[in-house]
Amino acid sequence: MPRLPYFDPTDAPESVANVLSRTPLTLLRMVAHAESAFEDWLALSNSLLTVLELDPALRELAILQVAHLERSQYEWVQHVAIGQALGVSAAQIAALERDDDYGANFAEDEAAVLRLAREFILDGAASEQIVAEVAERIGVRGVIELLIVLGHYIAIARFIASTGLEPQTPILEHGPIPGITT
């Protein structure tokens, strides 16, 4: 049960009401309370899912690492579906659940990204060594985009936990998400 009421779009600007009418995500119905920041936040969130140079499957593995380590079942449910649509395997998902992000289920680039994500999430920063290793693999831009994704999804996980949002049916079951091919 959410700790705060959902945003009531009846008095919202048309642009906010339109977004909320097109998606069943309760996360958006909570974030919409911040009316002055909502559309910019949504634009950032959408750009992280649609326009980054970072490989989408690597992005989803990193988000799943956040969801797992932050114990965000809401994020986990949504991003397992998105990850699978982008080629993340059931074996990789199971390995993340077991904290086995070094195992044979991951290619070297994937394992390096997951190690960076683990350090960033649990230690508050990724080490110089892992940043350099991942930069060699996916480039400086890839590391920067990865760090932005990690920070954004940690914030979302903590927002979800603080507002008491419960997991819901994956949004992909309601139709395609623009920019994400399934």
N, C-alpha and C. Protein backbone atom coordinates (compact mmCIF):
# COMPACT_ATOMS: atom_id res chain seq x y z
N MET A 1 0.85 -1.19 0.00
CA MET A 1 0.00 0.00 0.00
C MET A 1 0.89 1.24 0.00
N PRO A 2 0.64 2.14 -0.94
CA PRO A 2 1.49 3.35 -0.97
C PRO A 2 1.32 4.19 0.29
N ARG A 3 2.41 4.84 0.67
CA ARG A 3 2.41 5.67 1.88
C ARG A 3 1.85 7.05 1.63
N LEU A 4 1.72 7.42 0.37
CA LEU A 4 1.18 8.71 -0.05
C LEU A 4 0.12 8.46 -1.11
N PRO A 5 -0.83 9.37 -1.27
CA PRO A 5 -1.85 9.17 -2.31
C PRO A 5 -1.24 9.37 -3.70
N TYR A 6 -1.82 8.72 -4.67
CA TYR A 6 -1.40 8.94 -6.05
C TYR A 6 -1.87 10.32 -6.50
N PHE A 7 -1.15 10.88 -7.44
CA PHE A 7 -1.49 12.17 -8.02
C PHE A 7 -2.82 12.08 -8.74
N ASP A 8 -3.67 13.08 -8.56
CA ASP A 8 -4.95 13.14 -9.25
C ASP A 8 -4.79 14.02 -10.48
N PRO A 9 -4.84 13.44 -11.66
CA PRO A 9 -4.57 14.21 -12.87
C PRO A 9 -5.69 15.14 -13.32
N THR A 10 -6.82 15.16 -12.60
CA THR A 10 -7.95 15.96 -13.07
C THR A 10 -7.63 17.45 -13.13
N ASP A 11 -6.79 17.95 -12.25
CA ASP A 11 -6.43 19.37 -12.26
C ASP A 11 -5.04 19.62 -12.83
N ALA A 12 -4.45 18.63 -13.43
CA ALA A 12 -3.08 18.73 -13.94
C ALA A 12 -3.07 19.42 -15.31
N PRO A 13 -1.92 19.99 -15.67
CA PRO A 13 -1.78 20.47 -17.05
C PRO A 13 -2.06 19.33 -18.02
N GLU A 14 -2.54 19.67 -19.20
CA GLU A 14 -2.91 18.66 -20.19
C GLU A 14 -1.77 17.70 -20.51
N SER A 15 -0.55 18.23 -20.59
CA SER A 15 0.59 17.38 -20.93
C SER A 15 0.82 16.30 -19.87
N VAL A 16 0.67 16.65 -18.61
CA VAL A 16 0.83 15.67 -17.52
C VAL A 16 -0.32 14.68 -17.54
N ALA A 17 -1.53 15.18 -17.69
CA ALA A 17 -2.70 14.30 -17.73
C ALA A 17 -2.60 13.31 -18.89
N ASN A 18 -2.09 13.77 -20.04
CA ASN A 18 -1.94 12.88 -21.20
C ASN A 18 -0.96 11.75 -20.91
N VAL A 19 0.17 12.07 -20.29
CA VAL A 19 1.15 11.04 -19.96
C VAL A 19 0.53 10.01 -19.02
N LEU A 20 -0.16 10.48 -18.00
CA LEU A 20 -0.72 9.57 -17.01
C LEU A 20 -1.85 8.73 -17.60
N SER A 21 -2.54 9.25 -18.61
CA SER A 21 -3.62 8.47 -19.23
C SER A 21 -3.07 7.37 -20.14
N ARG A 22 -1.80 7.50 -20.58
CA ARG A 22 -1.22 6.53 -21.52
C ARG A 22 -0.43 5.42 -20.85
N THR A 23 -0.19 5.52 -19.56
CA THR A 23 0.62 4.49 -18.90
C THR A 23 0.01 4.08 -17.56
N PRO A 24 0.06 2.81 -17.26
CA PRO A 24 -0.47 2.35 -15.97
C PRO A 24 0.57 2.39 -14.84
N LEU A 25 1.77 2.92 -15.09
CA LEU A 25 2.82 2.87 -14.06
C LEU A 25 2.47 3.74 -12.86
N THR A 26 2.36 3.10 -11.71
CA THR A 26 2.07 3.85 -10.49
C THR A 26 3.23 4.77 -10.11
N LEU A 27 4.44 4.42 -10.52
CA LEU A 27 5.59 5.28 -10.28
C LEU A 27 5.32 6.67 -10.85
N LEU A 28 4.81 6.74 -12.06
CA LEU A 28 4.54 8.04 -12.67
C LEU A 28 3.43 8.78 -11.96
N ARG A 29 2.45 8.05 -11.46
CA ARG A 29 1.35 8.69 -10.71
C ARG A 29 1.83 9.24 -9.37
N MET A 30 2.97 8.77 -8.89
CA MET A 30 3.54 9.31 -7.66
C MET A 30 4.47 10.48 -7.99
N VAL A 31 5.34 10.31 -8.97
CA VAL A 31 6.27 11.37 -9.34
C VAL A 31 5.52 12.61 -9.82
N ALA A 32 4.35 12.45 -10.41
CA ALA A 32 3.58 13.57 -10.95
C ALA A 32 3.23 14.62 -9.89
N HIS A 33 3.29 14.26 -8.63
CA HIS A 33 3.08 15.26 -7.57
C HIS A 33 4.08 16.41 -7.70
N ALA A 34 5.24 16.13 -8.21
CA ALA A 34 6.25 17.17 -8.43
C ALA A 34 6.01 17.78 -9.81
N GLU A 35 4.86 18.43 -9.96
CA GLU A 35 4.41 18.91 -11.27
C GLU A 35 5.45 19.74 -12.01
N SER A 36 6.17 20.59 -11.30
CA SER A 36 7.12 21.48 -11.97
C SER A 36 8.33 20.72 -12.51
N ALA A 37 8.62 19.55 -11.98
CA ALA A 37 9.78 18.76 -12.44
C ALA A 37 9.37 17.52 -13.22
N PHE A 38 8.10 17.18 -13.21
CA PHE A 38 7.64 15.91 -13.76
C PHE A 38 8.05 15.71 -15.22
N GLU A 39 7.75 16.65 -16.09
CA GLU A 39 8.02 16.45 -17.51
C GLU A 39 9.52 16.37 -17.79
N ASP A 40 10.33 17.17 -17.10
CA ASP A 40 11.78 17.09 -17.28
C ASP A 40 12.31 15.76 -16.76
N TRP A 41 11.81 15.31 -15.61
CA TRP A 41 12.23 14.02 -15.06
C TRP A 41 11.86 12.89 -16.03
N LEU A 42 10.65 12.97 -16.57
CA LEU A 42 10.20 11.96 -17.51
C LEU A 42 11.05 11.96 -18.78
N ALA A 43 11.42 13.16 -19.25
CA ALA A 43 12.27 13.26 -20.44
C ALA A 43 13.63 12.61 -20.17
N LEU A 44 14.21 12.88 -19.00
CA LEU A 44 15.48 12.23 -18.64
C LEU A 44 15.31 10.72 -18.58
N SER A 45 14.29 10.27 -17.89
CA SER A 45 14.05 8.83 -17.76
C SER A 45 13.90 8.17 -19.13
N ASN A 46 13.13 8.80 -20.00
CA ASN A 46 12.94 8.25 -21.35
C ASN A 46 14.23 8.25 -22.14
N SER A 47 15.03 9.30 -22.00
CA SER A 47 16.28 9.34 -22.76
C SER A 47 17.23 8.24 -22.31
N LEU A 48 17.22 7.91 -21.03
CA LEU A 48 18.09 6.84 -20.55
C LEU A 48 17.68 5.48 -21.12
N LEU A 49 16.42 5.36 -21.50
CA LEU A 49 15.94 4.10 -22.08
C LEU A 49 15.95 4.08 -23.60
N THR A 50 16.18 5.24 -24.23
CA THR A 50 15.98 5.25 -25.68
C THR A 50 17.12 5.83 -26.51
N VAL A 51 17.94 6.73 -25.99
CA VAL A 51 18.88 7.41 -26.87
C VAL A 51 20.35 7.28 -26.48
N LEU A 52 20.65 6.56 -25.45
CA LEU A 52 22.05 6.41 -25.05
C LEU A 52 22.82 5.58 -26.07
N GLU A 53 24.12 5.82 -26.13
CA GLU A 53 25.02 4.97 -26.93
C GLU A 53 25.27 3.64 -26.21
N LEU A 54 25.18 3.64 -24.89
CA LEU A 54 25.37 2.43 -24.08
C LEU A 54 24.48 1.31 -24.60
N ASP A 55 25.07 0.15 -24.78
CA ASP A 55 24.32 -1.01 -25.26
C ASP A 55 23.10 -1.24 -24.37
N PRO A 56 21.89 -1.35 -24.96
CA PRO A 56 20.68 -1.50 -24.15
C PRO A 56 20.68 -2.73 -23.24
N ALA A 57 21.26 -3.84 -23.67
CA ALA A 57 21.31 -5.03 -22.81
C ALA A 57 22.24 -4.79 -21.62
N LEU A 58 23.37 -4.11 -21.84
CA LEU A 58 24.25 -3.75 -20.72
C LEU A 58 23.53 -2.82 -19.75
N ARG A 59 22.80 -1.86 -20.31
CA ARG A 59 22.01 -0.94 -19.47
C ARG A 59 21.04 -1.71 -18.59
N GLU A 60 20.34 -2.66 -19.20
CA GLU A 60 19.35 -3.42 -18.43
C GLU A 60 20.01 -4.32 -17.39
N LEU A 61 21.15 -4.90 -17.70
CA LEU A 61 21.87 -5.67 -16.67
C LEU A 61 22.24 -4.77 -15.50
N ALA A 62 22.69 -3.55 -15.79
CA ALA A 62 23.04 -2.61 -14.72
C ALA A 62 21.82 -2.23 -13.90
N ILE A 63 20.70 -1.98 -14.57
CA ILE A 63 19.46 -1.64 -13.84
C ILE A 63 19.00 -2.82 -12.99
N LEU A 64 19.12 -4.02 -13.52
CA LEU A 64 18.76 -5.20 -12.73
C LEU A 64 19.68 -5.35 -11.52
N GLN A 65 20.95 -5.00 -11.69
CA GLN A 65 21.87 -5.02 -10.55
C GLN A 65 21.40 -4.02 -9.47
N VAL A 66 20.98 -2.84 -9.91
CA VAL A 66 20.43 -1.86 -8.96
C VAL A 66 19.20 -2.44 -8.27
N ALA A 67 18.26 -2.95 -9.06
CA ALA A 67 17.02 -3.48 -8.48
C ALA A 67 17.30 -4.58 -7.47
N HIS A 68 18.23 -5.46 -7.80
CA HIS A 68 18.57 -6.56 -6.90
C HIS A 68 19.24 -6.05 -5.62
N LEU A 69 20.28 -5.25 -5.77
CA LEU A 69 21.04 -4.82 -4.60
C LEU A 69 20.29 -3.81 -3.74
N GLU A 70 19.38 -3.05 -4.34
CA GLU A 70 18.55 -2.11 -3.58
C GLU A 70 17.26 -2.77 -3.09
N ARG A 71 17.08 -4.05 -3.45
CA ARG A 71 15.89 -4.81 -3.07
C ARG A 71 14.59 -4.11 -3.53
N SER A 72 14.62 -3.65 -4.77
CA SER A 72 13.47 -2.97 -5.36
C SER A 72 12.71 -3.93 -6.26
N GLN A 73 11.73 -4.60 -5.68
CA GLN A 73 10.94 -5.57 -6.43
C GLN A 73 10.18 -4.89 -7.56
N TYR A 74 9.73 -3.66 -7.34
CA TYR A 74 9.03 -2.91 -8.38
C TYR A 74 9.92 -2.78 -9.61
N GLU A 75 11.16 -2.28 -9.43
CA GLU A 75 12.09 -2.13 -10.55
C GLU A 75 12.44 -3.49 -11.15
N TRP A 76 12.64 -4.47 -10.29
CA TRP A 76 13.02 -5.80 -10.75
C TRP A 76 11.99 -6.35 -11.74
N VAL A 77 10.72 -6.29 -11.37
CA VAL A 77 9.66 -6.83 -12.22
C VAL A 77 9.63 -6.11 -13.57
N GLN A 78 9.71 -4.79 -13.54
CA GLN A 78 9.66 -4.02 -14.79
C GLN A 78 10.87 -4.33 -15.68
N HIS A 79 12.05 -4.35 -15.08
CA HIS A 79 13.27 -4.45 -15.89
C HIS A 79 13.67 -5.88 -16.24
N VAL A 80 13.15 -6.88 -15.55
CA VAL A 80 13.32 -8.25 -16.03
C VAL A 80 12.63 -8.37 -17.39
N ALA A 81 11.42 -7.86 -17.48
CA ALA A 81 10.68 -7.93 -18.75
C ALA A 81 11.40 -7.16 -19.85
N ILE A 82 11.85 -5.95 -19.54
CA ILE A 82 12.56 -5.14 -20.55
C ILE A 82 13.87 -5.83 -20.93
N GLY A 83 14.60 -6.30 -19.92
CA GLY A 83 15.87 -6.98 -20.19
C GLY A 83 15.69 -8.20 -21.07
N GLN A 84 14.70 -9.01 -20.78
CA GLN A 84 14.45 -10.20 -21.60
C GLN A 84 14.11 -9.81 -23.03
N ALA A 85 13.35 -8.73 -23.19
CA ALA A 85 13.01 -8.26 -24.54
C ALA A 85 14.24 -7.81 -25.31
N LEU A 86 15.28 -7.42 -24.58
CA LEU A 86 16.52 -6.96 -25.21
C LEU A 86 17.62 -8.02 -25.23
N GLY A 87 17.30 -9.26 -24.84
CA GLY A 87 18.25 -10.35 -24.95
C GLY A 87 18.92 -10.80 -23.67
N VAL A 88 18.58 -10.22 -22.53
CA VAL A 88 19.11 -10.72 -21.26
C VAL A 88 18.47 -12.08 -21.00
N SER A 89 19.29 -13.07 -20.73
CA SER A 89 18.79 -14.45 -20.61
C SER A 89 18.25 -14.74 -19.20
N ALA A 90 17.42 -15.77 -19.14
CA ALA A 90 16.90 -16.23 -17.85
C ALA A 90 18.05 -16.67 -16.94
N ALA A 91 19.09 -17.28 -17.52
CA ALA A 91 20.25 -17.70 -16.72
C ALA A 91 20.97 -16.49 -16.13
N GLN A 92 21.07 -15.40 -16.89
CA GLN A 92 21.71 -14.19 -16.37
C GLN A 92 20.88 -13.58 -15.24
N ILE A 93 19.58 -13.56 -15.41
CA ILE A 93 18.69 -13.02 -14.38
C ILE A 93 18.81 -13.85 -13.10
N ALA A 94 18.81 -15.17 -13.25
CA ALA A 94 18.96 -16.05 -12.09
C ALA A 94 20.32 -15.84 -11.42
N ALA A 95 21.36 -15.65 -12.21
CA ALA A 95 22.70 -15.42 -11.65
C ALA A 95 22.73 -14.12 -10.84
N LEU A 96 22.10 -13.07 -11.34
CA LEU A 96 22.04 -11.82 -10.58
C LEU A 96 21.33 -12.02 -9.25
N GLU A 97 20.26 -12.79 -9.27
CA GLU A 97 19.53 -13.06 -8.03
C GLU A 97 20.39 -13.81 -7.02
N ARG A 98 21.36 -14.59 -7.50
CA ARG A 98 22.27 -15.35 -6.61
C ARG A 98 23.53 -14.55 -6.27
N ASP A 99 23.61 -13.30 -6.70
CA ASP A 99 24.83 -12.48 -6.53
C ASP A 99 26.01 -13.08 -7.26
N ASP A 100 25.76 -13.77 -8.36
CA ASP A 100 26.80 -14.40 -9.15
C ASP A 100 27.04 -13.59 -10.42
N ASP A 101 27.53 -12.37 -10.25
CA ASP A 101 27.75 -11.52 -11.42
C ASP A 101 29.15 -11.67 -11.98
N TYR A 102 29.90 -12.65 -11.49
CA TYR A 102 31.23 -12.95 -12.02
C TYR A 102 31.23 -14.25 -12.81
N GLY A 103 30.10 -14.96 -12.81
CA GLY A 103 30.05 -16.32 -13.33
C GLY A 103 30.06 -16.42 -14.84
N ALA A 104 29.94 -17.65 -15.27
CA ALA A 104 30.04 -18.00 -16.68
C ALA A 104 28.85 -17.51 -17.50
N ASN A 105 27.81 -17.02 -16.84
CA ASN A 105 26.64 -16.54 -17.57
C ASN A 105 26.86 -15.20 -18.25
N PHE A 106 27.97 -14.56 -17.94
CA PHE A 106 28.21 -13.21 -18.45
C PHE A 106 29.48 -13.13 -19.28
N ALA A 107 29.38 -12.41 -20.40
CA ALA A 107 30.57 -12.10 -21.19
C ALA A 107 31.44 -11.15 -20.38
N GLU A 108 32.69 -10.99 -20.79
CA GLU A 108 33.62 -10.15 -20.03
C GLU A 108 33.13 -8.72 -19.87
N ASP A 109 32.57 -8.12 -20.93
CA ASP A 109 32.04 -6.76 -20.84
C ASP A 109 30.89 -6.70 -19.83
N GLU A 110 30.01 -7.67 -19.89
CA GLU A 110 28.86 -7.70 -18.98
C GLU A 110 29.32 -7.83 -17.54
N ALA A 111 30.25 -8.74 -17.28
CA ALA A 111 30.75 -8.94 -15.92
C ALA A 111 31.43 -7.68 -15.40
N ALA A 112 32.19 -7.00 -16.25
CA ALA A 112 32.86 -5.77 -15.84
C ALA A 112 31.84 -4.69 -15.50
N VAL A 113 30.82 -4.54 -16.31
CA VAL A 113 29.75 -3.56 -16.04
C VAL A 113 29.06 -3.90 -14.72
N LEU A 114 28.80 -5.17 -14.50
CA LEU A 114 28.13 -5.57 -13.25
C LEU A 114 29.02 -5.34 -12.03
N ARG A 115 30.32 -5.54 -12.17
CA ARG A 115 31.24 -5.25 -11.06
C ARG A 115 31.27 -3.76 -10.76
N LEU A 116 31.32 -2.94 -11.81
CA LEU A 116 31.29 -1.50 -11.61
C LEU A 116 29.99 -1.11 -10.91
N ALA A 117 28.88 -1.65 -11.39
CA ALA A 117 27.59 -1.34 -10.78
C ALA A 117 27.55 -1.74 -9.31
N ARG A 118 28.05 -2.93 -9.00
CA ARG A 118 28.06 -3.40 -7.61
C ARG A 118 28.85 -2.44 -6.72
N GLU A 119 30.04 -2.04 -7.15
CA GLU A 119 30.85 -1.11 -6.36
C GLU A 119 30.13 0.23 -6.19
N PHE A 120 29.59 0.74 -7.28
CA PHE A 120 28.90 2.02 -7.25
C PHE A 120 27.74 2.01 -6.28
N ILE A 121 26.97 0.93 -6.30
CA ILE A 121 25.78 0.81 -5.45
C ILE A 121 26.16 0.57 -3.99
N LEU A 122 27.03 -0.39 -3.74
CA LEU A 122 27.33 -0.79 -2.36
C LEU A 122 28.37 0.10 -1.68
N ASP A 123 29.34 0.61 -2.46
CA ASP A 123 30.42 1.40 -1.85
C ASP A 123 30.22 2.90 -2.03
N GLY A 124 29.25 3.30 -2.83
CA GLY A 124 29.01 4.71 -3.06
C GLY A 124 29.83 5.28 -4.21
N ALA A 125 30.78 4.53 -4.71
CA ALA A 125 31.61 4.95 -5.85
C ALA A 125 32.28 3.71 -6.43
N ALA A 126 32.52 3.78 -7.72
CA ALA A 126 33.28 2.72 -8.37
C ALA A 126 34.76 3.05 -8.24
N SER A 127 35.57 2.02 -8.08
CA SER A 127 37.02 2.22 -7.90
C SER A 127 37.67 2.69 -9.19
N GLU A 128 38.84 3.28 -9.05
CA GLU A 128 39.61 3.73 -10.20
C GLU A 128 39.90 2.56 -11.14
N GLN A 129 40.21 1.42 -10.56
CA GLN A 129 40.54 0.23 -11.35
C GLN A 129 39.37 -0.23 -12.21
N ILE A 130 38.18 -0.34 -11.63
CA ILE A 130 37.04 -0.84 -12.42
C ILE A 130 36.58 0.20 -13.42
N VAL A 131 36.67 1.48 -13.07
CA VAL A 131 36.30 2.52 -14.04
C VAL A 131 37.22 2.44 -15.26
N ALA A 132 38.52 2.29 -15.02
CA ALA A 132 39.48 2.18 -16.13
C ALA A 132 39.20 0.94 -16.96
N GLU A 133 38.93 -0.19 -16.31
CA GLU A 133 38.65 -1.42 -17.04
C GLU A 133 37.41 -1.30 -17.91
N VAL A 134 36.35 -0.74 -17.35
CA VAL A 134 35.12 -0.62 -18.12
C VAL A 134 35.30 0.42 -19.23
N ALA A 135 36.05 1.48 -18.98
CA ALA A 135 36.31 2.47 -20.03
C ALA A 135 37.05 1.85 -21.21
N GLU A 136 37.97 0.93 -20.93
CA GLU A 136 38.67 0.22 -22.01
C GLU A 136 37.70 -0.62 -22.84
N ARG A 137 36.68 -1.13 -22.19
CA ARG A 137 35.74 -2.02 -22.85
C ARG A 137 34.64 -1.28 -23.61
N ILE A 138 34.07 -0.24 -22.98
CA ILE A 138 32.90 0.41 -23.59
C ILE A 138 33.12 1.90 -23.84
N GLY A 139 34.31 2.39 -23.57
CA GLY A 139 34.63 3.79 -23.83
C GLY A 139 34.24 4.72 -22.69
N VAL A 140 34.80 5.90 -22.73
CA VAL A 140 34.52 6.90 -21.69
C VAL A 140 33.04 7.28 -21.70
N ARG A 141 32.51 7.53 -22.90
CA ARG A 141 31.09 7.88 -22.98
C ARG A 141 30.23 6.77 -22.38
N GLY A 142 30.55 5.51 -22.67
CA GLY A 142 29.79 4.40 -22.11
C GLY A 142 29.82 4.39 -20.59
N VAL A 143 30.98 4.66 -20.00
CA VAL A 143 31.09 4.69 -18.53
C VAL A 143 30.24 5.83 -17.97
N ILE A 144 30.33 7.01 -18.59
CA ILE A 144 29.55 8.15 -18.09
C ILE A 144 28.06 7.86 -18.19
N GLU A 145 27.62 7.32 -19.33
CA GLU A 145 26.21 6.97 -19.46
C GLU A 145 25.80 5.91 -18.45
N LEU A 146 26.66 4.93 -18.23
CA LEU A 146 26.38 3.89 -17.23
C LEU A 146 26.24 4.49 -15.84
N LEU A 147 27.14 5.38 -15.47
CA LEU A 147 27.06 6.01 -14.14
C LEU A 147 25.78 6.83 -13.99
N ILE A 148 25.38 7.53 -15.05
CA ILE A 148 24.12 8.29 -14.99
C ILE A 148 22.93 7.35 -14.81
N VAL A 149 22.92 6.24 -15.55
CA VAL A 149 21.84 5.26 -15.42
C VAL A 149 21.81 4.71 -13.98
N LEU A 150 22.96 4.33 -13.47
CA LEU A 150 23.01 3.77 -12.12
C LEU A 150 22.49 4.77 -11.09
N GLY A 151 22.96 6.00 -11.16
CA GLY A 151 22.51 7.01 -10.21
C GLY A 151 21.01 7.24 -10.30
N HIS A 152 20.50 7.31 -11.51
CA HIS A 152 19.07 7.55 -11.71
C HIS A 152 18.24 6.40 -11.13
N TYR A 153 18.65 5.18 -11.41
CA TYR A 153 17.86 4.04 -10.94
C TYR A 153 18.02 3.76 -9.45
N ILE A 154 19.14 4.13 -8.87
CA ILE A 154 19.25 4.07 -7.40
C ILE A 154 18.26 5.05 -6.80
N ALA A 155 18.20 6.26 -7.35
CA ALA A 155 17.25 7.26 -6.85
C ALA A 155 15.82 6.75 -6.99
N ILE A 156 15.49 6.14 -8.13
CA ILE A 156 14.15 5.61 -8.33
C ILE A 156 13.85 4.51 -7.32
N ALA A 157 14.81 3.61 -7.10
CA ALA A 157 14.61 2.51 -6.14
C ALA A 157 14.32 3.06 -4.74
N ARG A 158 15.04 4.07 -4.36
CA ARG A 158 14.84 4.64 -3.03
C ARG A 158 13.54 5.44 -2.95
N PHE A 159 13.18 6.09 -4.04
CA PHE A 159 11.89 6.78 -4.13
C PHE A 159 10.75 5.76 -3.96
N ILE A 160 10.85 4.66 -4.70
CA ILE A 160 9.84 3.60 -4.63
C ILE A 160 9.73 3.05 -3.20
N ALA A 161 10.87 2.78 -2.58
CA ALA A 161 10.86 2.25 -1.22
C ALA A 161 10.25 3.25 -0.24
N SER A 162 10.58 4.52 -0.40
CA SER A 162 10.10 5.54 0.54
C SER A 162 8.62 5.84 0.37
N THR A 163 8.09 5.68 -0.83
CA THR A 163 6.67 5.93 -1.07
C THR A 163 5.82 4.67 -0.94
N GLY A 164 6.47 3.51 -0.82
CA GLY A 164 5.75 2.27 -0.60
C GLY A 164 5.07 1.70 -1.84
N LEU A 165 5.60 2.01 -3.01
CA LEU A 165 4.99 1.46 -4.22
C LEU A 165 5.24 -0.05 -4.29
N GLU A 166 4.22 -0.76 -4.69
CA GLU A 166 4.31 -2.21 -4.79
C GLU A 166 4.51 -2.62 -6.25
N PRO A 167 5.14 -3.78 -6.47
CA PRO A 167 5.34 -4.25 -7.85
C PRO A 167 4.01 -4.32 -8.59
N GLN A 168 4.10 -4.13 -9.89
CA GLN A 168 2.90 -4.25 -10.72
C GLN A 168 3.26 -4.95 -12.02
N THR A 169 2.26 -5.31 -12.76
CA THR A 169 2.45 -6.00 -14.03
C THR A 169 3.44 -5.22 -14.89
N PRO A 170 4.39 -5.93 -15.51
CA PRO A 170 5.35 -5.23 -16.37
C PRO A 170 4.66 -4.40 -17.44
N ILE A 171 5.14 -3.19 -17.63
CA ILE A 171 4.54 -2.28 -18.60
C ILE A 171 4.58 -2.86 -20.01
N LEU A 172 5.57 -3.69 -20.32
CA LEU A 172 5.64 -4.29 -21.65
C LEU A 172 4.42 -5.15 -21.97
N GLU A 173 3.74 -5.63 -20.93
CA GLU A 173 2.53 -6.42 -21.15
C GLU A 173 1.36 -5.55 -21.60
N HIS A 174 1.53 -4.22 -21.52
CA HIS A 174 0.48 -3.28 -21.95
C HIS A 174 0.76 -2.73 -23.33
N GLY A 175 1.84 -3.18 -23.96
CA GLY A 175 2.19 -2.70 -25.29
C GLY A 175 3.64 -2.27 -25.31
N PRO A 176 4.15 -1.97 -26.50
CA PRO A 176 5.57 -1.62 -26.63
C PRO A 176 5.88 -0.28 -25.97
N ILE A 177 7.10 -0.16 -25.50
CA ILE A 177 7.61 1.11 -25.00
C ILE A 177 8.37 1.74 -26.15
N PRO A 178 8.06 3.00 -26.50
CA PRO A 178 8.76 3.63 -27.61
C PRO A 178 10.27 3.56 -27.40
N GLY A 179 10.99 3.18 -28.46
CA GLY A 179 12.44 3.13 -28.41
C GLY A 179 12.99 1.79 -27.93
N ILE A 180 12.14 0.92 -27.43
CA ILE A 180 12.60 -0.38 -26.96
C ILE A 180 11.99 -1.42 -27.89
N THR A 181 12.85 -2.09 -28.63
CA THR A 181 12.36 -3.10 -29.55
C THR A 181 12.27 -4.43 -28.84
N THR A 182 11.19 -5.12 -29.08
CA THR A 182 10.99 -6.43 -28.46
C THR A 182 10.88 -7.50 -29.53
